[in-house]
Amino acid sequence: MTKILLHIFIFTTLISSKDRYQVPSNYLFEFEDSTLIELRDDQKSNLVEIDSQITKGQKKLKVAILKFKTGEVLELRQKNNQWKQINVTYKDRTVKISKSVLKKSD
Protein backbone atom coordinates (compact mmCIF):
# COMPACT_ATOMS: atom_id res chain seq x y z
CA MET A 1 0.00 0.00 0.00
CA THR A 2 1.31 3.43 -0.86
CA LYS A 3 1.68 6.06 1.81
CA ILE A 4 -1.94 6.28 2.90
CA LEU A 5 -1.58 9.35 5.07
CA LEU A 6 0.17 11.20 2.26
CA HIS A 7 -2.91 10.57 0.13
CA ILE A 8 -5.13 11.84 2.93
CA PHE A 9 -3.10 15.05 3.16
CA ILE A 10 -3.27 15.55 -0.60
CA PHE A 11 -7.02 14.99 -0.54
CA THR A 12 -7.48 17.43 2.34
CA THR A 13 -5.60 20.04 0.35
CA LEU A 14 -8.01 19.50 -2.54
CA ILE A 15 -11.03 20.30 -0.40
CA SER A 16 -9.48 23.55 0.75
CA SER A 17 -10.32 26.75 -1.03
CA LYS A 18 -7.70 28.25 -3.31
CA ASP A 19 -7.54 31.22 -0.94
CA ARG A 20 -6.71 29.26 2.18
CA TYR A 21 -4.72 26.26 3.27
CA GLN A 22 -6.07 24.12 6.09
CA VAL A 23 -4.60 21.08 7.76
CA PRO A 24 -6.60 18.88 10.10
CA SER A 25 -6.68 19.90 13.74
CA ASN A 26 -7.84 16.48 14.91
CA TYR A 27 -7.29 12.98 13.53
CA LEU A 28 -9.16 9.83 14.50
CA PHE A 29 -8.00 6.50 13.10
CA GLU A 30 -9.90 3.25 13.58
CA PHE A 31 -8.17 0.03 12.65
CA GLU A 32 -9.62 -3.37 11.78
CA ASP A 33 -8.56 -4.72 15.18
CA SER A 34 -10.87 -2.06 16.76
CA THR A 35 -7.92 0.03 17.97
CA LEU A 36 -8.67 3.76 18.03
CA ILE A 37 -5.96 6.41 17.84
CA GLU A 38 -6.83 10.07 18.21
CA LEU A 39 -4.29 12.81 17.54
CA ARG A 40 -4.67 16.49 18.21
CA ASP A 41 -2.93 19.30 16.37
CA ASP A 42 0.04 19.19 18.77
CA GLN A 43 0.58 15.44 18.26
CA LYS A 44 1.16 15.43 14.49
CA SER A 45 4.65 14.04 14.91
CA ASN A 46 2.98 10.68 15.68
CA LEU A 47 1.57 10.58 12.12
CA VAL A 48 4.90 9.34 10.80
CA GLU A 49 4.76 6.29 13.09
CA ILE A 50 1.12 5.57 12.24
CA ASP A 51 1.88 5.90 8.54
CA SER A 52 4.79 3.50 8.89
CA GLN A 53 2.62 0.91 10.66
CA ILE A 54 -0.05 1.13 7.95
CA THR A 55 2.47 0.98 5.11
CA LYS A 56 4.27 -2.03 6.59
CA GLY A 57 0.95 -3.84 7.06
CA GLN A 58 1.24 -3.89 10.84
CA LYS A 59 -2.10 -2.11 11.12
CA LYS A 60 -5.03 -2.18 8.72
CA LEU A 61 -6.87 1.12 8.51
CA LYS A 62 -10.65 0.93 8.58
CA VAL A 63 -11.73 4.55 9.11
CA ALA A 64 -9.96 7.91 9.20
CA ILE A 65 -11.82 11.01 10.36
CA LEU A 66 -10.10 14.36 9.98
CA LYS A 67 -11.56 17.48 11.56
CA PHE A 68 -10.62 21.01 10.60
CA LYS A 69 -10.77 24.21 12.65
CA THR A 70 -13.12 25.65 10.03
CA GLY A 71 -15.72 22.98 10.80
CA GLU A 72 -15.22 20.64 7.85
CA VAL A 73 -15.02 16.92 8.58
CA LEU A 74 -13.46 14.44 6.17
CA GLU A 75 -14.41 10.79 6.68
CA LEU A 76 -12.59 8.08 4.76
CA ARG A 77 -13.50 4.38 4.95
CA GLN A 78 -11.57 1.55 3.38
CA LYS A 79 -11.64 -2.20 3.21
CA ASN A 80 -9.05 -4.52 1.67
CA ASN A 81 -6.85 -1.56 0.64
CA GLN A 82 -9.66 0.06 -1.34
CA TRP A 83 -11.54 3.21 -0.49
CA LYS A 84 -15.20 2.36 0.08
CA GLN A 85 -16.53 5.73 1.17
CA ILE A 86 -15.33 9.32 1.35
CA ASN A 87 -17.57 12.02 2.81
CA VAL A 88 -16.91 15.72 3.29
CA THR A 89 -19.22 17.40 5.82
CA TYR A 90 -19.59 21.06 6.65
CA LYS A 91 -22.30 22.20 9.04
CA ASP A 92 -25.42 20.28 7.96
CA ARG A 93 -24.26 19.46 4.42
CA THR A 94 -22.48 16.28 3.36
CA VAL A 95 -20.91 15.56 0.00
CA LYS A 96 -20.35 11.88 -0.75
CA ILE A 97 -17.76 10.88 -3.31
CA SER A 98 -19.27 8.52 -5.87
CA LYS A 99 -18.25 4.85 -5.69
CA SER A 100 -17.37 5.00 -9.39
CA VAL A 101 -14.75 7.61 -8.57
CA LEU A 102 -13.38 5.51 -5.71
CA LYS A 103 -13.16 2.27 -7.69
CA LYS A 104 -9.59 1.30 -8.59
CA SER A 105 -8.91 0.80 -12.24
CA ASP A 106 -7.01 -2.30 -13.27
PDB file of N, CA and C in Angstrom:
ATOM      1  N   MET A   1       0.854  -1.167   0.000  1.00  0.00           N
ATOM      2  CA  MET A   1       0.000   0.000   0.000  1.00  0.00           C
ATOM      3  C   MET A   1       0.898   1.228   0.000  1.00  0.00           C
ATOM      4  N   THR A   2       0.537   2.196  -0.830  1.00  0.00           N
ATOM      5  CA  THR A   2       1.307   3.430  -0.857  1.00  0.00           C
ATOM      6  C   THR A   2       1.082   4.202   0.430  1.00  0.00           C
ATOM      7  N   LYS A   3       1.775   5.248   0.587  1.00  0.00           N
ATOM      8  CA  LYS A   3       1.682   6.059   1.809  1.00  0.00           C
ATOM      9  C   LYS A   3       0.265   6.618   1.955  1.00  0.00           C
ATOM     10  N   ILE A   4      -0.526   5.965   2.756  1.00  0.00           N
ATOM     11  CA  ILE A   4      -1.941   6.278   2.902  1.00  0.00           C
ATOM     12  C   ILE A   4      -2.168   7.672   3.476  1.00  0.00           C
ATOM     13  N   LEU A   5      -1.371   8.034   4.458  1.00  0.00           N
ATOM     14  CA  LEU A   5      -1.575   9.351   5.068  1.00  0.00           C
ATOM     15  C   LEU A   5      -1.179  10.470   4.118  1.00  0.00           C
ATOM     16  N   LEU A   6      -0.188  10.202   3.262  1.00  0.00           N
ATOM     17  CA  LEU A   6       0.171  11.196   2.264  1.00  0.00           C
ATOM     18  C   LEU A   6      -1.019  11.463   1.350  1.00  0.00           C
ATOM     19  N   HIS A   7      -1.721  10.401   0.958  1.00  0.00           N
ATOM     20  CA  HIS A   7      -2.909  10.570   0.128  1.00  0.00           C
ATOM     21  C   HIS A   7      -3.991  11.363   0.867  1.00  0.00           C
ATOM     22  N   ILE A   8      -4.132  11.102   2.149  1.00  0.00           N
ATOM     23  CA  ILE A   8      -5.125  11.844   2.931  1.00  0.00           C
ATOM     24  C   ILE A   8      -4.777  13.325   2.946  1.00  0.00           C
ATOM     25  N   PHE A   9      -3.500  13.647   3.152  1.00  0.00           N
ATOM     26  CA  PHE A   9      -3.100  15.048   3.161  1.00  0.00           C
ATOM     27  C   PHE A   9      -3.335  15.706   1.811  1.00  0.00           C
ATOM     28  N   ILE A  10      -3.034  14.993   0.737  1.00  0.00           N
ATOM     29  CA  ILE A  10      -3.271  15.546  -0.597  1.00  0.00           C
ATOM     30  C   ILE A  10      -4.760  15.794  -0.795  1.00  0.00           C
ATOM     31  N   PHE A  11      -5.578  14.839  -0.385  1.00  0.00           N
ATOM     32  CA  PHE A  11      -7.025  14.993  -0.540  1.00  0.00           C
ATOM     33  C   PHE A  11      -7.544  16.162   0.296  1.00  0.00           C
ATOM     34  N   THR A  12      -7.013  16.330   1.500  1.00  0.00           N
ATOM     35  CA  THR A  12      -7.477  17.432   2.345  1.00  0.00           C
ATOM     36  C   THR A  12      -7.098  18.772   1.744  1.00  0.00           C
ATOM     37  N   THR A  13      -5.984  18.812   1.033  1.00  0.00           N
ATOM     38  CA  THR A  13      -5.597  20.043   0.351  1.00  0.00           C
ATOM     39  C   THR A  13      -6.574  20.340  -0.774  1.00  0.00           C
ATOM     40  N   LEU A  14      -7.071  19.299  -1.441  1.00  0.00           N
ATOM     41  CA  LEU A  14      -8.010  19.502  -2.540  1.00  0.00           C
ATOM     42  C   LEU A  14      -9.333  20.091  -2.075  1.00  0.00           C
ATOM     43  N   ILE A  15      -9.754  19.767  -0.846  1.00  0.00           N
ATOM     44  CA  ILE A  15     -11.035  20.298  -0.395  1.00  0.00           C
ATOM     45  C   ILE A  15     -10.914  21.704   0.159  1.00  0.00           C
ATOM     46  N   SER A  16      -9.682  22.191   0.284  1.00  0.00           N
ATOM     47  CA  SER A  16      -9.481  23.553   0.752  1.00  0.00           C
ATOM     48  C   SER A  16      -9.700  24.529  -0.393  1.00  0.00           C
ATOM     49  N   SER A  17     -10.128  25.700  -0.054  1.00  0.00           N
ATOM     50  CA  SER A  17     -10.321  26.751  -1.035  1.00  0.00           C
ATOM     51  C   SER A  17      -8.967  27.197  -1.562  1.00  0.00           C
ATOM     52  N   LYS A  18      -8.961  27.764  -2.756  1.00  0.00           N
ATOM     53  CA  LYS A  18      -7.704  28.251  -3.314  1.00  0.00           C
ATOM     54  C   LYS A  18      -7.133  29.413  -2.511  1.00  0.00           C
ATOM     55  N   ASP A  19      -7.972  30.067  -1.713  1.00  0.00           N
ATOM     56  CA  ASP A  19      -7.538  31.224  -0.939  1.00  0.00           C
ATOM     57  C   ASP A  19      -7.058  30.885   0.460  1.00  0.00           C
ATOM     58  N   ARG A  20      -7.150  29.631   0.832  1.00  0.00           N
ATOM     59  CA  ARG A  20      -6.707  29.259   2.180  1.00  0.00           C
ATOM     60  C   ARG A  20      -6.140  27.856   2.159  1.00  0.00           C
ATOM     61  N   TYR A  21      -5.308  27.595   3.132  1.00  0.00           N
ATOM     62  CA  TYR A  21      -4.725  26.265   3.274  1.00  0.00           C
ATOM     63  C   TYR A  21      -5.041  25.790   4.675  1.00  0.00           C
ATOM     64  N   GLN A  22      -5.693  24.667   4.790  1.00  0.00           N
ATOM     65  CA  GLN A  22      -6.071  24.116   6.087  1.00  0.00           C
ATOM     66  C   GLN A  22      -5.489  22.726   6.241  1.00  0.00           C
ATOM     67  N   VAL A  23      -5.008  22.444   7.414  1.00  0.00           N
ATOM     68  CA  VAL A  23      -4.605  21.083   7.760  1.00  0.00           C
ATOM     69  C   VAL A  23      -5.504  20.637   8.900  1.00  0.00           C
ATOM     70  N   PRO A  24      -5.715  19.355   9.030  1.00  0.00           N
ATOM     71  CA  PRO A  24      -6.597  18.876  10.098  1.00  0.00           C
ATOM     72  C   PRO A  24      -6.091  19.287  11.480  1.00  0.00           C
ATOM     73  N   SER A  25      -7.029  19.578  12.357  1.00  0.00           N
ATOM     74  CA  SER A  25      -6.676  19.904  13.739  1.00  0.00           C
ATOM     75  C   SER A  25      -6.870  18.688  14.643  1.00  0.00           C
ATOM     76  N   ASN A  26      -7.567  17.680  14.126  1.00  0.00           N
ATOM     77  CA  ASN A  26      -7.836  16.482  14.913  1.00  0.00           C
ATOM     78  C   ASN A  26      -7.928  15.296  13.959  1.00  0.00           C
ATOM     79  N   TYR A  27      -7.292  14.207  14.341  1.00  0.00           N
ATOM     80  CA  TYR A  27      -7.291  12.981  13.532  1.00  0.00           C
ATOM     81  C   TYR A  27      -7.832  11.845  14.391  1.00  0.00           C
ATOM     82  N   LEU A  28      -8.688  11.037  13.817  1.00  0.00           N
ATOM     83  CA  LEU A  28      -9.159   9.832  14.495  1.00  0.00           C
ATOM     84  C   LEU A  28      -8.999   8.677  13.516  1.00  0.00           C
ATOM     85  N   PHE A  29      -8.233   7.672  13.928  1.00  0.00           N
ATOM     86  CA  PHE A  29      -8.002   6.496  13.096  1.00  0.00           C
ATOM     87  C   PHE A  29      -8.592   5.286  13.799  1.00  0.00           C
ATOM     88  N   GLU A  30      -9.386   4.517  13.062  1.00  0.00           N
ATOM     89  CA  GLU A  30      -9.899   3.250  13.579  1.00  0.00           C
ATOM     90  C   GLU A  30      -9.325   2.145  12.701  1.00  0.00           C
ATOM     91  N   PHE A  31      -8.784   1.133  13.366  1.00  0.00           N
ATOM     92  CA  PHE A  31      -8.168   0.034  12.645  1.00  0.00           C
ATOM     93  C   PHE A  31      -9.048  -1.201  12.715  1.00  0.00           C
ATOM     94  N   GLU A  32      -8.788  -2.167  11.855  1.00  0.00           N
ATOM     95  CA  GLU A  32      -9.623  -3.366  11.781  1.00  0.00           C
ATOM     96  C   GLU A  32      -9.625  -4.169  13.074  1.00  0.00           C
ATOM     97  N   ASP A  33      -8.592  -4.014  13.898  1.00  0.00           N
ATOM     98  CA  ASP A  33      -8.564  -4.718  15.184  1.00  0.00           C
ATOM     99  C   ASP A  33      -9.294  -3.920  16.279  1.00  0.00           C
ATOM    100  N   SER A  34     -10.073  -2.923  15.885  1.00  0.00           N
ATOM    101  CA  SER A  34     -10.873  -2.056  16.763  1.00  0.00           C
ATOM    102  C   SER A  34     -10.044  -1.071  17.587  1.00  0.00           C
ATOM    103  N   THR A  35      -8.768  -0.964  17.314  1.00  0.00           N
ATOM    104  CA  THR A  35      -7.925   0.032  17.972  1.00  0.00           C
ATOM    105  C   THR A  35      -8.306   1.420  17.467  1.00  0.00           C
ATOM    106  N   LEU A  36      -8.403   2.371  18.376  1.00  0.00           N
ATOM    107  CA  LEU A  36      -8.668   3.763  18.034  1.00  0.00           C
ATOM    108  C   LEU A  36      -7.463   4.602  18.430  1.00  0.00           C
ATOM    109  N   ILE A  37      -7.039   5.474  17.532  1.00  0.00           N
ATOM    110  CA  ILE A  37      -5.961   6.412  17.836  1.00  0.00           C
ATOM    111  C   ILE A  37      -6.463   7.797  17.479  1.00  0.00           C
ATOM    112  N   GLU A  38      -6.410   8.695  18.445  1.00  0.00           N
ATOM    113  CA  GLU A  38      -6.826  10.073  18.210  1.00  0.00           C
ATOM    114  C   GLU A  38      -5.625  10.980  18.423  1.00  0.00           C
ATOM    115  N   LEU A  39      -5.395  11.859  17.462  1.00  0.00           N
ATOM    116  CA  LEU A  39      -4.288  12.808  17.536  1.00  0.00           C
ATOM    117  C   LEU A  39      -4.832  14.226  17.427  1.00  0.00           C
ATOM    118  N   ARG A  40      -4.327  15.076  18.280  1.00  0.00           N
ATOM    119  CA  ARG A  40      -4.665  16.494  18.205  1.00  0.00           C
ATOM    120  C   ARG A  40      -3.594  17.214  17.393  1.00  0.00           C
ATOM    121  N   ASP A  41      -3.833  18.464  17.161  1.00  0.00           N
ATOM    122  CA  ASP A  41      -2.927  19.296  16.371  1.00  0.00           C
ATOM    123  C   ASP A  41      -1.490  19.232  16.877  1.00  0.00           C
ATOM    124  N   ASP A  42      -1.307  19.183  18.194  1.00  0.00           N
ATOM    125  CA  ASP A  42       0.038  19.195  18.775  1.00  0.00           C
ATOM    126  C   ASP A  42       0.697  17.815  18.797  1.00  0.00           C
ATOM    127  N   GLN A  43       0.046  16.803  18.259  1.00  0.00           N
ATOM    128  CA  GLN A  43       0.585  15.439  18.258  1.00  0.00           C
ATOM    129  C   GLN A  43       0.890  14.933  16.848  1.00  0.00           C
ATOM    130  N   LYS A  44       0.985  15.830  15.892  1.00  0.00           N
ATOM    131  CA  LYS A  44       1.158  15.428  14.489  1.00  0.00           C
ATOM    132  C   LYS A  44       2.437  14.643  14.234  1.00  0.00           C
ATOM    133  N   SER A  45       3.410  14.785  15.106  1.00  0.00           N
ATOM    134  CA  SER A  45       4.649  14.037  14.906  1.00  0.00           C
ATOM    135  C   SER A  45       4.401  12.528  14.961  1.00  0.00           C
ATOM    136  N   ASN A  46       3.325  12.107  15.609  1.00  0.00           N
ATOM    137  CA  ASN A  46       2.980  10.682  15.676  1.00  0.00           C
ATOM    138  C   ASN A  46       2.437  10.148  14.357  1.00  0.00           C
ATOM    139  N   LEU A  47       2.092  11.026  13.419  1.00  0.00           N
ATOM    140  CA  LEU A  47       1.568  10.582  12.125  1.00  0.00           C
ATOM    141  C   LEU A  47       2.594   9.753  11.357  1.00  0.00           C
ATOM    142  N   VAL A  48       3.854  10.078  11.502  1.00  0.00           N
ATOM    143  CA  VAL A  48       4.903   9.337  10.798  1.00  0.00           C
ATOM    144  C   VAL A  48       4.901   7.878  11.256  1.00  0.00           C
ATOM    145  N   GLU A  49       4.783   7.654  12.548  1.00  0.00           N
ATOM    146  CA  GLU A  49       4.765   6.289  13.088  1.00  0.00           C
ATOM    147  C   GLU A  49       3.516   5.535  12.643  1.00  0.00           C
ATOM    148  N   ILE A  50       2.368   6.207  12.683  1.00  0.00           N
ATOM    149  CA  ILE A  50       1.118   5.568  12.239  1.00  0.00           C
ATOM    150  C   ILE A  50       1.203   5.216  10.758  1.00  0.00           C
ATOM    151  N   ASP A  51       1.721   6.137   9.966  1.00  0.00           N
ATOM    152  CA  ASP A  51       1.879   5.900   8.537  1.00  0.00           C
ATOM    153  C   ASP A  51       2.781   4.703   8.288  1.00  0.00           C
ATOM    154  N   SER A  52       3.863   4.610   9.032  1.00  0.00           N
ATOM    155  CA  SER A  52       4.790   3.497   8.893  1.00  0.00           C
ATOM    156  C   SER A  52       4.110   2.165   9.224  1.00  0.00           C
ATOM    157  N   GLN A  53       3.320   2.140  10.276  1.00  0.00           N
ATOM    158  CA  GLN A  53       2.617   0.908  10.655  1.00  0.00           C
ATOM    159  C   GLN A  53       1.610   0.486   9.592  1.00  0.00           C
ATOM    160  N   ILE A  54       0.924   1.440   9.003  1.00  0.00           N
ATOM    161  CA  ILE A  54      -0.048   1.131   7.954  1.00  0.00           C
ATOM    162  C   ILE A  54       0.674   0.626   6.702  1.00  0.00           C
ATOM    163  N   THR A  55       1.724   1.336   6.314  1.00  0.00           N
ATOM    164  CA  THR A  55       2.468   0.978   5.109  1.00  0.00           C
ATOM    165  C   THR A  55       3.101  -0.399   5.211  1.00  0.00           C
ATOM    166  N   LYS A  56       3.622  -0.727   6.384  1.00  0.00           N
ATOM    167  CA  LYS A  56       4.265  -2.026   6.589  1.00  0.00           C
ATOM    168  C   LYS A  56       3.260  -3.151   6.808  1.00  0.00           C
ATOM    169  N   GLY A  57       1.976  -2.822   6.872  1.00  0.00           N
ATOM    170  CA  GLY A  57       0.950  -3.837   7.055  1.00  0.00           C
ATOM    171  C   GLY A  57       0.772  -4.278   8.500  1.00  0.00           C
ATOM    172  N   GLN A  58       1.387  -3.557   9.430  1.00  0.00           N
ATOM    173  CA  GLN A  58       1.239  -3.894  10.840  1.00  0.00           C
ATOM    174  C   GLN A  58      -0.147  -3.534  11.355  1.00  0.00           C
ATOM    175  N   LYS A  59      -0.741  -2.518  10.761  1.00  0.00           N
ATOM    176  CA  LYS A  59      -2.098  -2.108  11.122  1.00  0.00           C
ATOM    177  C   LYS A  59      -2.896  -1.915   9.841  1.00  0.00           C
ATOM    178  N   LYS A  60      -4.147  -2.338   9.868  1.00  0.00           N
ATOM    179  CA  LYS A  60      -5.035  -2.183   8.716  1.00  0.00           C
ATOM    180  C   LYS A  60      -6.056  -1.085   9.038  1.00  0.00           C
ATOM    181  N   LEU A  61      -5.987  -0.009   8.293  1.00  0.00           N
ATOM    182  CA  LEU A  61      -6.869   1.119   8.505  1.00  0.00           C
ATOM    183  C   LEU A  61      -8.287   0.789   8.065  1.00  0.00           C
ATOM    184  N   LYS A  62      -9.237   1.129   8.889  1.00  0.00           N
ATOM    185  CA  LYS A  62     -10.646   0.925   8.581  1.00  0.00           C
ATOM    186  C   LYS A  62     -11.315   2.275   8.307  1.00  0.00           C
ATOM    187  N   VAL A  63     -11.109   3.233   9.225  1.00  0.00           N
ATOM    188  CA  VAL A  63     -11.732   4.554   9.106  1.00  0.00           C
ATOM    189  C   VAL A  63     -10.728   5.623   9.538  1.00  0.00           C
ATOM    190  N   ALA A  64     -10.716   6.724   8.801  1.00  0.00           N
ATOM    191  CA  ALA A  64      -9.959   7.907   9.205  1.00  0.00           C
ATOM    192  C   ALA A  64     -10.932   9.084   9.186  1.00  0.00           C
ATOM    193  N   ILE A  65     -10.973   9.821  10.280  1.00  0.00           N
ATOM    194  CA  ILE A  65     -11.822  11.012  10.364  1.00  0.00           C
ATOM    195  C   ILE A  65     -10.920  12.191  10.683  1.00  0.00           C
ATOM    196  N   LEU A  66     -10.929  13.183   9.812  1.00  0.00           N
ATOM    197  CA  LEU A  66     -10.100  14.357   9.978  1.00  0.00           C
ATOM    198  C   LEU A  66     -11.005  15.558  10.184  1.00  0.00           C
ATOM    199  N   LYS A  67     -10.744  16.295  11.245  1.00  0.00           N
ATOM    200  CA  LYS A  67     -11.561  17.475  11.562  1.00  0.00           C
ATOM    201  C   LYS A  67     -10.702  18.719  11.416  1.00  0.00           C
ATOM    202  N   PHE A  68     -11.315  19.752  10.844  1.00  0.00           N
ATOM    203  CA  PHE A  68     -10.625  21.005  10.601  1.00  0.00           C
ATOM    204  C   PHE A  68     -11.181  22.104  11.503  1.00  0.00           C
ATOM    205  N   LYS A  69     -10.343  23.095  11.800  1.00  0.00           N
ATOM    206  CA  LYS A  69     -10.772  24.215  12.648  1.00  0.00           C
ATOM    207  C   LYS A  69     -11.935  24.981  12.037  1.00  0.00           C
ATOM    208  N   THR A  70     -12.054  24.936  10.725  1.00  0.00           N
ATOM    209  CA  THR A  70     -13.118  25.653  10.025  1.00  0.00           C
ATOM    210  C   THR A  70     -14.466  24.938  10.094  1.00  0.00           C
ATOM    211  N   GLY A  71     -14.477  23.724  10.648  1.00  0.00           N
ATOM    212  CA  GLY A  71     -15.725  22.982  10.801  1.00  0.00           C
ATOM    213  C   GLY A  71     -15.914  21.833   9.833  1.00  0.00           C
ATOM    214  N   GLU A  72     -15.098  21.757   8.789  1.00  0.00           N
ATOM    215  CA  GLU A  72     -15.218  20.641   7.852  1.00  0.00           C
ATOM    216  C   GLU A  72     -14.753  19.350   8.514  1.00  0.00           C
ATOM    217  N   VAL A  73     -15.394  18.254   8.105  1.00  0.00           N
ATOM    218  CA  VAL A  73     -15.015  16.923   8.576  1.00  0.00           C
ATOM    219  C   VAL A  73     -14.858  16.034   7.350  1.00  0.00           C
ATOM    220  N   LEU A  74     -13.734  15.364   7.263  1.00  0.00           N
ATOM    221  CA  LEU A  74     -13.460  14.445   6.172  1.00  0.00           C
ATOM    222  C   LEU A  74     -13.449  13.039   6.746  1.00  0.00           C
ATOM    223  N   GLU A  75     -14.313  12.175   6.211  1.00  0.00           N
ATOM    224  CA  GLU A  75     -14.405  10.789   6.677  1.00  0.00           C
ATOM    225  C   GLU A  75     -14.052   9.869   5.526  1.00  0.00           C
ATOM    226  N   LEU A  76     -13.059   9.020   5.771  1.00  0.00           N
ATOM    227  CA  LEU A  76     -12.592   8.081   4.756  1.00  0.00           C
ATOM    228  C   LEU A  76     -12.712   6.674   5.303  1.00  0.00           C
ATOM    229  N   ARG A  77     -13.337   5.782   4.536  1.00  0.00           N
ATOM    230  CA  ARG A  77     -13.496   4.380   4.954  1.00  0.00           C
ATOM    231  C   ARG A  77     -12.872   3.502   3.874  1.00  0.00           C
ATOM    232  N   GLN A  78     -12.167   2.484   4.342  1.00  0.00           N
ATOM    233  CA  GLN A  78     -11.570   1.552   3.385  1.00  0.00           C
ATOM    234  C   GLN A  78     -11.701   0.127   3.873  1.00  0.00           C
ATOM    235  N   LYS A  79     -11.613  -0.777   2.917  1.00  0.00           N
ATOM    236  CA  LYS A  79     -11.640  -2.202   3.209  1.00  0.00           C
ATOM    237  C   LYS A  79     -10.792  -2.887   2.149  1.00  0.00           C
ATOM    238  N   ASN A  80      -9.931  -3.785   2.600  1.00  0.00           N
ATOM    239  CA  ASN A  80      -9.055  -4.521   1.671  1.00  0.00           C
ATOM    240  C   ASN A  80      -8.252  -3.581   0.768  1.00  0.00           C
ATOM    241  N   ASN A  81      -7.684  -2.538   1.367  1.00  0.00           N
ATOM    242  CA  ASN A  81      -6.853  -1.563   0.643  1.00  0.00           C
ATOM    243  C   ASN A  81      -7.586  -0.807  -0.455  1.00  0.00           C
ATOM    244  N   GLN A  82      -8.892  -0.729  -0.368  1.00  0.00           N
ATOM    245  CA  GLN A  82      -9.657   0.056  -1.339  1.00  0.00           C
ATOM    246  C   GLN A  82     -10.567   1.014  -0.597  1.00  0.00           C
ATOM    247  N   TRP A  83     -10.632   2.240  -1.081  1.00  0.00           N
ATOM    248  CA  TRP A  83     -11.544   3.208  -0.490  1.00  0.00           C
ATOM    249  C   TRP A  83     -12.969   2.789  -0.789  1.00  0.00           C
ATOM    250  N   LYS A  84     -13.793   2.736   0.230  1.00  0.00           N
ATOM    251  CA  LYS A  84     -15.196   2.361   0.076  1.00  0.00           C
ATOM    252  C   LYS A  84     -16.116   3.559   0.209  1.00  0.00           C
ATOM    253  N   GLN A  85     -15.663   4.572   0.952  1.00  0.00           N
ATOM    254  CA  GLN A  85     -16.530   5.727   1.170  1.00  0.00           C
ATOM    255  C   GLN A  85     -15.674   6.917   1.560  1.00  0.00           C
ATOM    256  N   ILE A  86     -15.947   8.061   0.949  1.00  0.00           N
ATOM    257  CA  ILE A  86     -15.325   9.320   1.345  1.00  0.00           C
ATOM    258  C   ILE A  86     -16.435  10.358   1.420  1.00  0.00           C
ATOM    259  N   ASN A  87     -16.561  10.981   2.583  1.00  0.00           N
ATOM    260  CA  ASN A  87     -17.567  12.019   2.807  1.00  0.00           C
ATOM    261  C   ASN A  87     -16.881  13.288   3.288  1.00  0.00           C
ATOM    262  N   VAL A  88     -17.363  14.418   2.808  1.00  0.00           N
ATOM    263  CA  VAL A  88     -16.910  15.715   3.291  1.00  0.00           C
ATOM    264  C   VAL A  88     -18.143  16.408   3.859  1.00  0.00           C
ATOM    265  N   THR A  89     -18.072  16.776   5.148  1.00  0.00           N
ATOM    266  CA  THR A  89     -19.222  17.395   5.819  1.00  0.00           C
ATOM    267  C   THR A  89     -18.834  18.780   6.315  1.00  0.00           C
ATOM    268  N   TYR A  90     -19.744  19.716   6.106  1.00  0.00           N
ATOM    269  CA  TYR A  90     -19.590  21.063   6.646  1.00  0.00           C
ATOM    270  C   TYR A  90     -20.964  21.524   7.116  1.00  0.00           C
ATOM    271  N   LYS A  91     -21.037  21.841   8.387  1.00  0.00           N
ATOM    272  CA  LYS A  91     -22.300  22.199   9.036  1.00  0.00           C
ATOM    273  C   LYS A  91     -23.300  21.072   8.817  1.00  0.00           C
ATOM    274  N   ASP A  92     -24.408  21.323   8.147  1.00  0.00           N
ATOM    275  CA  ASP A  92     -25.416  20.275   7.960  1.00  0.00           C
ATOM    276  C   ASP A  92     -25.401  19.679   6.550  1.00  0.00           C
ATOM    277  N   ARG A  93     -24.348  19.961   5.790  1.00  0.00           N
ATOM    278  CA  ARG A  93     -24.260  19.461   4.419  1.00  0.00           C
ATOM    279  C   ARG A  93     -23.150  18.427   4.291  1.00  0.00           C
ATOM    280  N   THR A  94     -23.461  17.341   3.592  1.00  0.00           N
ATOM    281  CA  THR A  94     -22.481  16.280   3.355  1.00  0.00           C
ATOM    282  C   THR A  94     -22.379  15.997   1.863  1.00  0.00           C
ATOM    283  N   VAL A  95     -21.175  15.935   1.385  1.00  0.00           N
ATOM    284  CA  VAL A  95     -20.914  15.559   0.000  1.00  0.00           C
ATOM    285  C   VAL A  95     -20.276  14.183   0.038  1.00  0.00           C
ATOM    286  N   LYS A  96     -20.866  13.248  -0.684  1.00  0.00           N
ATOM    287  CA  LYS A  96     -20.347  11.882  -0.748  1.00  0.00           C
ATOM    288  C   LYS A  96     -19.678  11.682  -2.104  1.00  0.00           C
ATOM    289  N   ILE A  97     -18.477  11.158  -2.064  1.00  0.00           N
ATOM    290  CA  ILE A  97     -17.756  10.880  -3.305  1.00  0.00           C
ATOM    291  C   ILE A  97     -18.319   9.595  -3.903  1.00  0.00           C
ATOM    292  N   SER A  98     -18.642   9.646  -5.171  1.00  0.00           N
ATOM    293  CA  SER A  98     -19.265   8.517  -5.867  1.00  0.00           C
ATOM    294  C   SER A  98     -18.368   7.282  -5.841  1.00  0.00           C
ATOM    295  N   LYS A  99     -18.991   6.117  -5.699  1.00  0.00           N
ATOM    296  CA  LYS A  99     -18.252   4.846  -5.690  1.00  0.00           C
ATOM    297  C   LYS A  99     -17.522   4.636  -7.009  1.00  0.00           C
ATOM    298  N   SER A 100     -18.054   5.153  -8.105  1.00  0.00           N
ATOM    299  CA  SER A 100     -17.374   4.999  -9.389  1.00  0.00           C
ATOM    300  C   SER A 100     -16.053   5.770  -9.415  1.00  0.00           C
ATOM    301  N   VAL A 101     -15.987   6.848  -8.673  1.00  0.00           N
ATOM    302  CA  VAL A 101     -14.746   7.609  -8.574  1.00  0.00           C
ATOM    303  C   VAL A 101     -13.743   6.865  -7.698  1.00  0.00           C
ATOM    304  N   LEU A 102     -14.241   6.203  -6.660  1.00  0.00           N
ATOM    305  CA  LEU A 102     -13.380   5.513  -5.709  1.00  0.00           C
ATOM    306  C   LEU A 102     -12.839   4.192  -6.238  1.00  0.00           C
ATOM    307  N   LYS A 103     -13.538   3.597  -7.196  1.00  0.00           N
ATOM    308  CA  LYS A 103     -13.155   2.265  -7.691  1.00  0.00           C
ATOM    309  C   LYS A 103     -11.786   2.328  -8.364  1.00  0.00           C
ATOM    310  N   LYS A 104     -10.920   1.378  -7.980  1.00  0.00           N
ATOM    311  CA  LYS A 104      -9.594   1.298  -8.591  1.00  0.00           C
ATOM    312  C   LYS A 104      -9.721   0.761 -10.000  1.00  0.00           C
ATOM    313  N   SER A 105      -8.936   1.354 -10.887  1.00  0.00           N
ATOM    314  CA  SER A 105      -8.912   0.805 -12.241  1.00  0.00           C
ATOM    315  C   SER A 105      -7.788  -0.209 -12.328  1.00  0.00           C
ATOM    316  N   ASP A 106      -8.014  -1.238 -13.118  1.00  0.00           N
ATOM    317  CA  ASP A 106      -7.006  -2.300 -13.267  1.00  0.00           C
ATOM    318  C   ASP A 106      -6.011  -1.971 -14.331  1.00  0.00           C
TER     319      ASP A 106
END
